[in-house]
Amino acid sequence: DIDKDRLEFTARLVRIAAEQSKAEIRIYATTDRREALKDADYVVTSIRAGGMEATRLDLQIPARYGVEQGVGDTIGPGGVFYGLRNGFTLLEICRDIEDLYPDALLLNYTNPMAILCWAIKESTKVKVVGLCHSIPNTAHLLASYIGAPLDEISYLAAGINHMAWFIDFRWRGVDAYPILREKLSDPSIYDNPAHPAYHDLVRIEIFKALGYYVSESGNHLSEYLPYFRKNIKLIEKYRVLSSSRRLEMQEKARLMRDEKLSKIVEEGGQLPLRRSGEYCAQIIYAMETGTPTKIYGNVENTGLVTNLPYGCIVEVPCMVDDRGVHPCYIGGLPPQCAALNRMNISVQELAVKAIIERSREGIFQSLLVDPLTSSLLTIDEIRRLTEEMLEAQSKYLPQLR
């Protein structure tokens, strides 16, 4: 970490966790990236270039133009600029990996996942797999909707990050979609704040329209589509967050987290340790021991999903063993699902081009085809929005021409 104070704090937390779990590991902390990468077999990236100061700009400036974002880290104005900042930084990291240990596997958790993995694939020879928890989290949700134990359901999902489709969903080997439709037809669940469907209206609407459940929360999904954020009334109807509410909740959550962890560090308390559901450790364990495992990863589309563009980044099941990560062939997605994916892939493709070419015009063009932004603004307004964001974030983007 380049933030020395944050680095020291995190290192103390890791040492507490290692001591609690009696893990026989050595922990090193450094602000020198090249020192950290030396002899690495695995590199895990989770960064926020520009910090929360830049994230506020990602959300606040578009909101002044009427573009309300619930997260702003995938596509849209927030996602594209987040991708620029993180993209330039990750490409620097990748060049160091190529120089120091080119056989290392990069496990990326940084968003916007598809844009960043695509830029890395286009610009470097680094082996990269993008990791996200949205598919397993959605599987948990679907199991709860139909009242099934998690270990009794099976599923196959594929698409793009934050918009993968559950193209098969079964309970005890039987198609579970009819049960799901029946459960979601009960109007009372939408008036009950304790029921998960209360805050899942966007996904349920898309499910009813297209016939397949999608992998990302409604608050997030609503940013990638032109249907749910045209005005405040729609935002309220679908119970998704405005930009200001998102920032308020995010900053409050970060403050509460830091206060809780600081207390543990200062007072010598216990960390609430539990096995993570994230794929990173699962991948490393499989590769080091040869014990096969299955994950969902974001990888290059080498014909894996036949009706999405060749070379884009797709999220598909992957088998992992001591020979590496092996993406699985899917074939074609349902055409209506692939169509929505391709809308988002167009934004990703132009954002990647803007990163690689360091092009201000490329940034504008990526926002010009963004589903949400283009449903709200004229070409001239998108141009002004782009220029205002470029000016406000110039100190974070010295690479741009």
Protein backbone atom coordinates (compact mmCIF):
# COMPACT_ATOMS: atom_id res chain seq x y z
CA ASP A 1 0.00 0.00 0.00
CA ILE A 2 1.33 3.45 -0.85
CA ASP A 3 -0.52 4.87 2.18
CA LYS A 4 1.96 4.20 4.99
CA ASP A 5 -0.53 4.69 7.82
CA ARG A 6 -3.14 2.45 6.23
CA LEU A 7 -0.44 -0.12 5.45
CA GLU A 8 0.73 -0.29 9.07
CA PHE A 9 -2.85 -0.56 10.34
CA THR A 10 -3.70 -3.36 7.90
CA ALA A 11 -0.49 -5.23 8.72
CA ARG A 12 -1.40 -5.16 12.41
CA LEU A 13 -4.84 -6.58 11.61
CA VAL A 14 -3.31 -9.36 9.52
CA ARG A 15 -0.89 -10.26 12.32
CA ILE A 16 -3.78 -10.43 14.79
CA ALA A 17 -5.69 -12.69 12.40
CA ALA A 18 -2.65 -14.93 11.89
CA GLU A 19 -2.11 -15.23 15.63
CA GLN A 20 -5.77 -16.02 16.30
CA SER A 21 -5.87 -18.71 13.62
CA LYS A 22 -2.41 -20.04 14.55
CA ALA A 23 -1.35 -19.71 10.92
CA GLU A 24 2.33 -20.39 10.35
CA ILE A 25 2.95 -17.57 7.90
CA ARG A 26 5.36 -14.68 7.56
CA ILE A 27 3.90 -11.25 6.95
CA TYR A 28 5.73 -8.47 5.15
CA ALA A 29 4.47 -4.92 4.69
CA THR A 30 6.01 -2.41 2.30
CA THR A 31 5.14 0.75 0.41
CA ASP A 32 7.53 -0.35 -2.38
CA ARG A 33 5.46 -2.07 -5.05
CA ARG A 34 8.40 -3.72 -6.79
CA GLU A 35 9.64 -5.10 -3.48
CA ALA A 36 6.19 -6.54 -2.79
CA LEU A 37 6.05 -8.20 -6.22
CA LYS A 38 9.47 -9.83 -6.03
CA ASP A 39 9.22 -13.64 -6.45
CA ALA A 40 5.41 -13.53 -6.23
CA ASP A 41 3.51 -16.58 -7.44
CA TYR A 42 0.16 -14.83 -6.91
CA VAL A 43 -0.68 -11.14 -6.93
CA VAL A 44 -4.03 -9.99 -5.50
CA THR A 45 -5.19 -6.48 -6.40
CA SER A 46 -7.90 -4.50 -4.62
CA ILE A 47 -7.40 -0.76 -5.05
CA ARG A 48 -9.28 2.54 -5.18
CA ALA A 49 -7.07 4.99 -7.07
CA GLY A 50 -7.86 8.53 -5.91
CA GLY A 51 -9.57 7.28 -2.75
CA MET A 52 -12.99 8.45 -1.64
CA GLU A 53 -12.24 11.99 -2.77
CA ALA A 54 -12.26 10.86 -6.39
CA THR A 55 -15.23 8.55 -5.83
CA ARG A 56 -17.29 11.52 -4.63
CA LEU A 57 -16.57 13.25 -7.94
CA ASP A 58 -17.59 10.09 -9.83
CA LEU A 59 -21.05 10.36 -8.28
CA GLN A 60 -21.63 14.04 -7.54
CA ILE A 61 -20.80 15.55 -10.94
CA PRO A 62 -23.03 13.22 -13.02
CA ALA A 63 -25.84 13.73 -10.48
CA ARG A 64 -25.82 17.45 -11.30
CA TYR A 65 -26.63 16.47 -14.89
CA GLY A 66 -29.42 14.14 -13.75
CA VAL A 67 -27.40 10.91 -13.98
CA GLU A 68 -27.99 9.25 -10.61
CA GLN A 69 -25.76 6.26 -9.87
CA GLY A 70 -26.22 3.75 -7.07
CA VAL A 71 -22.56 2.63 -6.95
CA GLY A 72 -20.68 4.02 -9.95
CA ASP A 73 -17.95 1.41 -10.34
CA THR A 74 -18.83 -0.65 -13.43
CA ILE A 75 -19.95 1.46 -16.41
CA GLY A 76 -21.62 4.88 -16.64
CA PRO A 77 -19.73 8.08 -15.85
CA GLY A 78 -18.57 6.82 -12.46
CA GLY A 79 -17.53 3.41 -13.74
CA VAL A 80 -15.62 4.77 -16.73
CA PHE A 81 -13.65 7.30 -14.67
CA TYR A 82 -13.08 4.74 -11.92
CA GLY A 83 -11.77 2.47 -14.66
CA LEU A 84 -9.41 5.14 -15.94
CA ARG A 85 -7.85 5.78 -12.54
CA ASN A 86 -7.59 2.13 -11.57
CA GLY A 87 -6.66 1.09 -15.10
CA PHE A 88 -3.58 3.27 -15.37
CA THR A 89 -2.43 2.05 -11.94
CA LEU A 90 -3.07 -1.63 -12.65
CA LEU A 91 -1.19 -1.44 -15.94
CA GLU A 92 1.82 -0.07 -14.03
CA ILE A 93 1.53 -3.01 -11.62
CA CYS A 94 1.32 -5.43 -14.55
CA ARG A 95 4.44 -4.00 -16.16
CA ASP A 96 6.28 -4.60 -12.90
CA ILE A 97 4.94 -8.17 -12.83
CA GLU A 98 6.18 -8.71 -16.40
CA ASP A 99 9.59 -7.39 -15.39
CA LEU A 100 9.97 -9.15 -12.04
CA TYR A 101 7.99 -12.41 -12.16
CA PRO A 102 6.10 -12.88 -15.43
CA ASP A 103 4.73 -16.30 -14.44
CA ALA A 104 2.72 -14.85 -11.53
CA LEU A 105 -1.06 -15.17 -11.62
CA LEU A 106 -2.93 -11.90 -11.07
CA LEU A 107 -6.17 -12.31 -9.11
CA ASN A 108 -8.00 -9.03 -9.54
CA TYR A 109 -10.79 -7.83 -7.25
CA THR A 110 -10.71 -4.22 -8.44
CA ASN A 111 -13.64 -2.77 -10.37
CA PRO A 112 -14.67 -2.07 -13.05
CA MET A 113 -13.82 -5.74 -13.47
CA ALA A 114 -14.45 -6.27 -17.18
CA ILE A 115 -12.83 -3.00 -18.26
CA LEU A 116 -9.70 -3.61 -16.18
CA CYS A 117 -9.21 -7.27 -17.11
CA TRP A 118 -9.76 -6.37 -20.78
CA ALA A 119 -7.19 -3.55 -20.62
CA ILE A 120 -4.66 -5.88 -18.96
CA LYS A 121 -5.29 -8.54 -21.60
CA GLU A 122 -4.88 -6.04 -24.46
CA SER A 123 -1.79 -4.29 -23.07
CA THR A 124 0.25 -6.95 -21.25
CA LYS A 125 1.11 -10.64 -21.16
CA VAL A 126 0.13 -11.02 -17.50
CA LYS A 127 -2.12 -13.97 -16.66
CA VAL A 128 -5.21 -12.47 -15.02
CA VAL A 129 -8.48 -13.79 -13.59
CA GLY A 130 -11.08 -11.34 -12.29
CA LEU A 131 -12.95 -12.39 -9.15
CA CYS A 132 -16.36 -11.31 -7.87
CA HIS A 133 -18.83 -12.70 -5.33
CA SER A 134 -22.05 -11.68 -7.10
CA ILE A 135 -22.83 -15.12 -8.60
CA PRO A 136 -22.50 -17.17 -5.37
CA ASN A 137 -24.27 -14.43 -3.42
CA THR A 138 -27.17 -14.53 -5.89
CA ALA A 139 -27.28 -18.32 -5.60
CA HIS A 140 -27.76 -17.90 -1.83
CA LEU A 141 -30.58 -15.43 -2.52
CA LEU A 142 -32.34 -17.69 -5.01
CA ALA A 143 -32.16 -20.61 -2.59
CA SER A 144 -33.76 -18.45 0.10
CA TYR A 145 -36.53 -17.33 -2.26
CA ILE A 146 -37.65 -20.90 -2.93
CA GLY A 147 -36.95 -22.19 0.59
CA ALA A 148 -34.23 -24.62 -0.49
CA PRO A 149 -31.08 -25.55 1.46
CA LEU A 150 -28.07 -24.16 -0.38
CA ASP A 151 -26.49 -27.60 -0.75
CA GLU A 152 -29.57 -28.87 -2.60
CA ILE A 153 -29.50 -26.34 -5.44
CA SER A 154 -27.34 -26.37 -8.55
CA TYR A 155 -26.90 -23.71 -11.19
CA LEU A 156 -25.04 -22.57 -14.27
CA ALA A 157 -24.40 -18.86 -14.75
CA ALA A 158 -22.63 -16.97 -17.53
CA GLY A 159 -22.45 -13.53 -19.07
CA ILE A 160 -20.39 -10.53 -18.04
CA ASN A 161 -19.36 -9.29 -14.62
CA HIS A 162 -22.28 -7.80 -12.69
CA MET A 163 -24.59 -9.05 -15.45
CA ALA A 164 -24.26 -12.83 -15.55
CA TRP A 165 -27.38 -14.89 -16.13
CA PHE A 166 -28.53 -17.99 -14.26
CA ILE A 167 -29.21 -19.95 -17.43
CA ASP A 168 -29.91 -23.08 -15.39
CA PHE A 169 -31.27 -23.21 -11.82
CA ARG A 170 -32.27 -26.48 -10.17
CA TRP A 171 -33.42 -27.85 -6.83
CA ARG A 172 -32.62 -31.54 -6.32
CA GLY A 173 -32.02 -31.80 -10.05
CA VAL A 174 -35.40 -30.34 -11.07
CA ASP A 175 -35.87 -26.98 -12.81
CA ALA A 176 -36.49 -24.49 -9.98
CA TYR A 177 -37.56 -21.52 -12.09
CA PRO A 178 -41.29 -22.44 -11.94
CA ILE A 179 -41.06 -22.46 -8.13
CA LEU A 180 -39.25 -19.12 -8.18
CA ARG A 181 -41.92 -17.56 -10.40
CA GLU A 182 -44.63 -18.80 -8.05
CA LYS A 183 -42.86 -17.42 -4.96
CA LEU A 184 -42.28 -14.05 -6.60
CA SER A 185 -45.93 -13.78 -7.68
CA ASP A 186 -47.00 -13.24 -4.04
CA PRO A 187 -47.72 -9.47 -3.80
CA SER A 188 -47.31 -9.42 -0.01
CA ILE A 189 -43.53 -9.92 -0.17
CA TYR A 190 -43.08 -6.53 -1.84
CA ASP A 191 -44.65 -4.74 1.13
CA ASN A 192 -42.45 -6.48 3.70
CA PRO A 193 -39.10 -4.70 4.28
CA ALA A 194 -37.77 -7.85 5.98
CA HIS A 195 -38.23 -9.91 2.80
CA PRO A 196 -35.26 -9.80 0.36
CA ALA A 197 -37.62 -9.16 -2.57
CA TYR A 198 -38.51 -5.77 -1.06
CA HIS A 199 -35.15 -4.35 -2.21
CA ASP A 200 -34.78 -6.59 -5.28
CA LEU A 201 -37.45 -5.05 -7.51
CA VAL A 202 -35.13 -4.25 -10.41
CA ARG A 203 -33.84 -7.79 -10.79
CA ILE A 204 -37.31 -9.24 -10.41
CA GLU A 205 -38.58 -6.90 -13.14
CA ILE A 206 -35.79 -8.03 -15.48
CA PHE A 207 -36.45 -11.67 -14.55
CA LYS A 208 -40.12 -11.30 -15.46
CA ALA A 209 -39.21 -9.58 -18.74
CA LEU A 210 -36.38 -11.87 -19.90
CA GLY A 211 -37.01 -15.15 -18.08
CA TYR A 212 -33.61 -15.49 -16.38
CA TYR A 213 -32.26 -14.17 -13.10
CA VAL A 214 -29.23 -11.89 -13.19
CA SER A 215 -26.27 -11.87 -10.84
CA GLU A 216 -26.03 -8.32 -9.50
CA SER A 217 -28.17 -6.43 -6.99
CA GLY A 218 -30.98 -4.22 -8.26
CA ASN A 219 -29.30 -1.06 -7.00
CA HIS A 220 -26.23 -1.90 -9.09
CA LEU A 221 -28.03 -3.40 -12.10
CA SER A 222 -30.22 -0.32 -12.45
CA GLU A 223 -27.11 1.69 -13.42
CA TYR A 224 -26.39 -0.44 -16.48
CA LEU A 225 -29.83 -0.19 -18.03
CA PRO A 226 -31.97 2.70 -19.35
CA TYR A 227 -35.18 1.75 -17.55
CA PHE A 228 -34.97 2.48 -13.83
CA ARG A 229 -33.23 5.82 -13.17
CA LYS A 230 -34.87 8.34 -15.48
CA ASN A 231 -36.19 10.41 -12.56
CA ILE A 232 -36.49 10.47 -8.78
CA LYS A 233 -39.95 8.89 -8.88
CA LEU A 234 -38.56 5.81 -10.60
CA ILE A 235 -35.62 5.67 -8.19
CA GLU A 236 -38.07 5.68 -5.30
CA LYS A 237 -40.41 3.19 -6.98
CA TYR A 238 -37.66 0.64 -7.49
CA ARG A 239 -36.08 1.35 -4.07
CA VAL A 240 -32.61 2.01 -5.43
CA LEU A 241 -30.11 4.56 -4.14
CA SER A 242 -29.52 8.08 -5.39
CA SER A 243 -25.91 9.21 -5.71
CA SER A 244 -26.08 11.31 -2.54
CA ARG A 245 -27.64 8.49 -0.52
CA ARG A 246 -25.02 6.04 -1.80
CA LEU A 247 -22.16 8.32 -0.72
CA GLU A 248 -23.76 8.92 2.67
CA MET A 249 -24.15 5.19 3.33
CA GLN A 250 -20.69 4.31 1.97
CA GLU A 251 -18.87 6.87 4.08
CA LYS A 252 -20.85 5.93 7.20
CA ALA A 253 -20.05 2.24 6.68
CA ARG A 254 -16.34 2.95 6.18
CA LEU A 255 -16.25 5.05 9.35
CA MET A 256 -18.00 2.37 11.41
CA ARG A 257 -15.69 -0.32 10.03
CA ASP A 258 -12.55 1.69 10.80
CA GLU A 259 -13.73 2.52 14.31
CA LYS A 260 -14.50 -1.13 15.04
CA LEU A 261 -11.18 -2.40 13.70
CA SER A 262 -9.19 0.38 15.39
CA LYS A 263 -10.69 -0.61 18.72
CA ILE A 264 -9.61 -4.22 18.18
CA VAL A 265 -6.06 -3.16 17.28
CA GLU A 266 -5.70 -0.71 20.15
CA GLU A 267 -7.34 -2.83 22.84
CA GLY A 268 -6.07 -6.21 21.74
CA GLY A 269 -9.51 -7.63 20.99
CA GLN A 270 -10.51 -10.61 18.88
CA LEU A 271 -11.28 -10.39 15.18
CA PRO A 272 -14.52 -12.13 14.13
CA LEU A 273 -12.75 -14.64 11.90
CA ARG A 274 -14.66 -16.96 9.58
CA ARG A 275 -13.93 -18.72 6.34
CA SER A 276 -14.33 -16.32 3.43
CA GLY A 277 -16.63 -17.10 0.55
CA GLU A 278 -14.28 -15.30 -1.84
CA TYR A 279 -12.51 -17.38 -4.47
CA CYS A 280 -8.92 -16.20 -3.96
CA ALA A 281 -7.81 -18.69 -1.28
CA GLN A 282 -9.76 -21.46 -3.02
CA ILE A 283 -7.80 -20.86 -6.23
CA ILE A 284 -4.40 -20.76 -4.54
CA TYR A 285 -5.17 -23.92 -2.53
CA ALA A 286 -6.22 -25.79 -5.67
CA MET A 287 -3.15 -24.70 -7.61
CA GLU A 288 -0.74 -25.51 -4.78
CA THR A 289 -2.23 -28.88 -3.77
CA GLY A 290 -3.71 -30.11 -7.03
CA THR A 291 -7.11 -30.45 -5.38
CA PRO A 292 -9.60 -29.52 -8.13
CA THR A 293 -12.19 -26.84 -7.45
CA LYS A 294 -14.78 -24.86 -9.37
CA ILE A 295 -15.07 -21.08 -9.32
CA TYR A 296 -16.63 -18.33 -11.40
CA GLY A 297 -14.02 -16.12 -13.03
CA ASN A 298 -13.77 -13.19 -15.42
CA VAL A 299 -11.65 -14.28 -18.37
CA GLU A 300 -11.09 -13.57 -22.05
CA ASN A 301 -13.88 -14.78 -24.32
CA THR A 302 -12.03 -17.18 -26.59
CA GLY A 303 -15.28 -18.54 -27.98
CA LEU A 304 -16.55 -19.55 -24.54
CA VAL A 305 -19.78 -17.58 -24.97
CA THR A 306 -20.53 -17.74 -28.66
CA ASN A 307 -22.99 -14.84 -28.95
CA LEU A 308 -20.81 -12.32 -27.10
CA PRO A 309 -17.88 -10.59 -28.85
CA TYR A 310 -14.69 -12.60 -29.19
CA GLY A 311 -11.97 -11.08 -27.00
CA CYS A 312 -14.26 -9.34 -24.50
CA ILE A 313 -14.26 -10.37 -20.83
CA VAL A 314 -16.89 -12.91 -19.81
CA GLU A 315 -17.81 -14.37 -16.43
CA VAL A 316 -18.04 -18.16 -16.65
CA PRO A 317 -17.43 -21.25 -14.52
CA CYS A 318 -13.78 -22.26 -14.34
CA MET A 319 -12.09 -25.42 -13.09
CA VAL A 320 -8.87 -24.91 -11.12
CA ASP A 321 -6.10 -27.43 -10.41
CA ASP A 322 -2.31 -27.50 -10.21
CA ARG A 323 -2.10 -26.74 -13.93
CA GLY A 324 -3.99 -23.46 -13.60
CA VAL A 325 -7.41 -21.94 -14.21
CA HIS A 326 -9.46 -23.56 -16.99
CA PRO A 327 -12.53 -21.63 -18.22
CA CYS A 328 -15.53 -23.72 -19.32
CA TYR A 329 -17.28 -23.55 -22.69
CA ILE A 330 -20.86 -22.24 -22.45
CA GLY A 331 -22.16 -21.87 -26.00
CA GLY A 332 -24.82 -19.26 -26.64
CA LEU A 333 -26.68 -17.31 -23.99
CA PRO A 334 -30.43 -16.78 -24.39
CA PRO A 335 -30.51 -14.07 -27.11
CA GLN A 336 -32.39 -11.54 -24.97
CA CYS A 337 -29.76 -11.87 -22.22
CA ALA A 338 -26.87 -11.60 -24.66
CA ALA A 339 -28.43 -8.44 -26.10
CA LEU A 340 -28.27 -6.64 -22.74
CA ASN A 341 -24.72 -7.89 -22.21
CA ARG A 342 -23.67 -6.48 -25.58
CA MET A 343 -25.04 -3.04 -24.65
CA ASN A 344 -22.64 -2.99 -21.71
CA ILE A 345 -19.75 -4.55 -23.63
CA SER A 346 -19.87 -1.62 -26.09
CA VAL A 347 -19.17 0.79 -23.22
CA GLN A 348 -16.41 -1.47 -21.88
CA GLU A 349 -14.73 -1.75 -25.28
CA LEU A 350 -14.57 2.02 -25.78
CA ALA A 351 -13.39 2.60 -22.20
CA VAL A 352 -10.58 0.08 -22.70
CA LYS A 353 -9.61 1.83 -25.93
CA ALA A 354 -9.55 5.16 -24.06
CA ILE A 355 -7.26 3.71 -21.37
CA ILE A 356 -4.84 2.15 -23.85
CA GLU A 357 -4.75 5.20 -26.13
CA ARG A 358 -4.94 7.68 -23.21
CA SER A 359 -7.67 9.41 -25.14
CA ARG A 360 -10.02 12.10 -23.83
CA GLU A 361 -12.20 11.69 -26.91
CA GLY A 362 -12.41 7.96 -26.24
CA ILE A 363 -13.80 8.66 -22.77
CA PHE A 364 -16.52 10.86 -24.25
CA GLN A 365 -17.40 8.18 -26.80
CA SER A 366 -17.70 5.49 -24.13
CA LEU A 367 -20.21 7.65 -22.23
CA LEU A 368 -22.01 8.46 -25.47
CA VAL A 369 -23.04 4.79 -25.83
CA ASP A 370 -23.66 4.18 -22.12
CA PRO A 371 -27.28 2.93 -21.70
CA LEU A 372 -28.15 5.09 -18.69
CA THR A 373 -26.29 8.27 -19.68
CA SER A 374 -27.57 8.24 -23.26
CA SER A 375 -31.15 7.74 -22.06
CA LEU A 376 -30.96 10.98 -20.06
CA LEU A 377 -28.60 13.40 -21.83
CA THR A 378 -28.05 14.87 -25.29
CA ILE A 379 -24.74 14.54 -27.10
CA ASP A 380 -23.78 18.09 -26.10
CA GLU A 381 -24.68 17.41 -22.46
CA ILE A 382 -22.58 14.23 -22.44
CA ARG A 383 -19.69 16.24 -23.89
CA ARG A 384 -20.01 18.85 -21.13
CA LEU A 385 -20.27 16.18 -18.44
CA THR A 386 -17.14 14.47 -19.75
CA GLU A 387 -15.17 17.72 -19.84
CA GLU A 388 -16.26 18.70 -16.33
CA MET A 389 -15.24 15.32 -14.94
CA LEU A 390 -11.90 15.47 -16.77
CA GLU A 391 -11.21 18.90 -15.31
CA ALA A 392 -12.25 17.90 -11.77
CA GLN A 393 -10.17 14.71 -11.87
CA SER A 394 -7.15 16.02 -13.76
CA LYS A 395 -4.81 15.50 -10.81
CA TYR A 396 -5.70 11.79 -10.79
CA LEU A 397 -5.31 11.38 -14.56
CA PRO A 398 -1.96 12.89 -15.59
CA GLN A 399 -1.63 10.16 -18.24
CA LEU A 400 -4.33 11.61 -20.49
CA ARG A 401 -3.44 13.54 -23.61
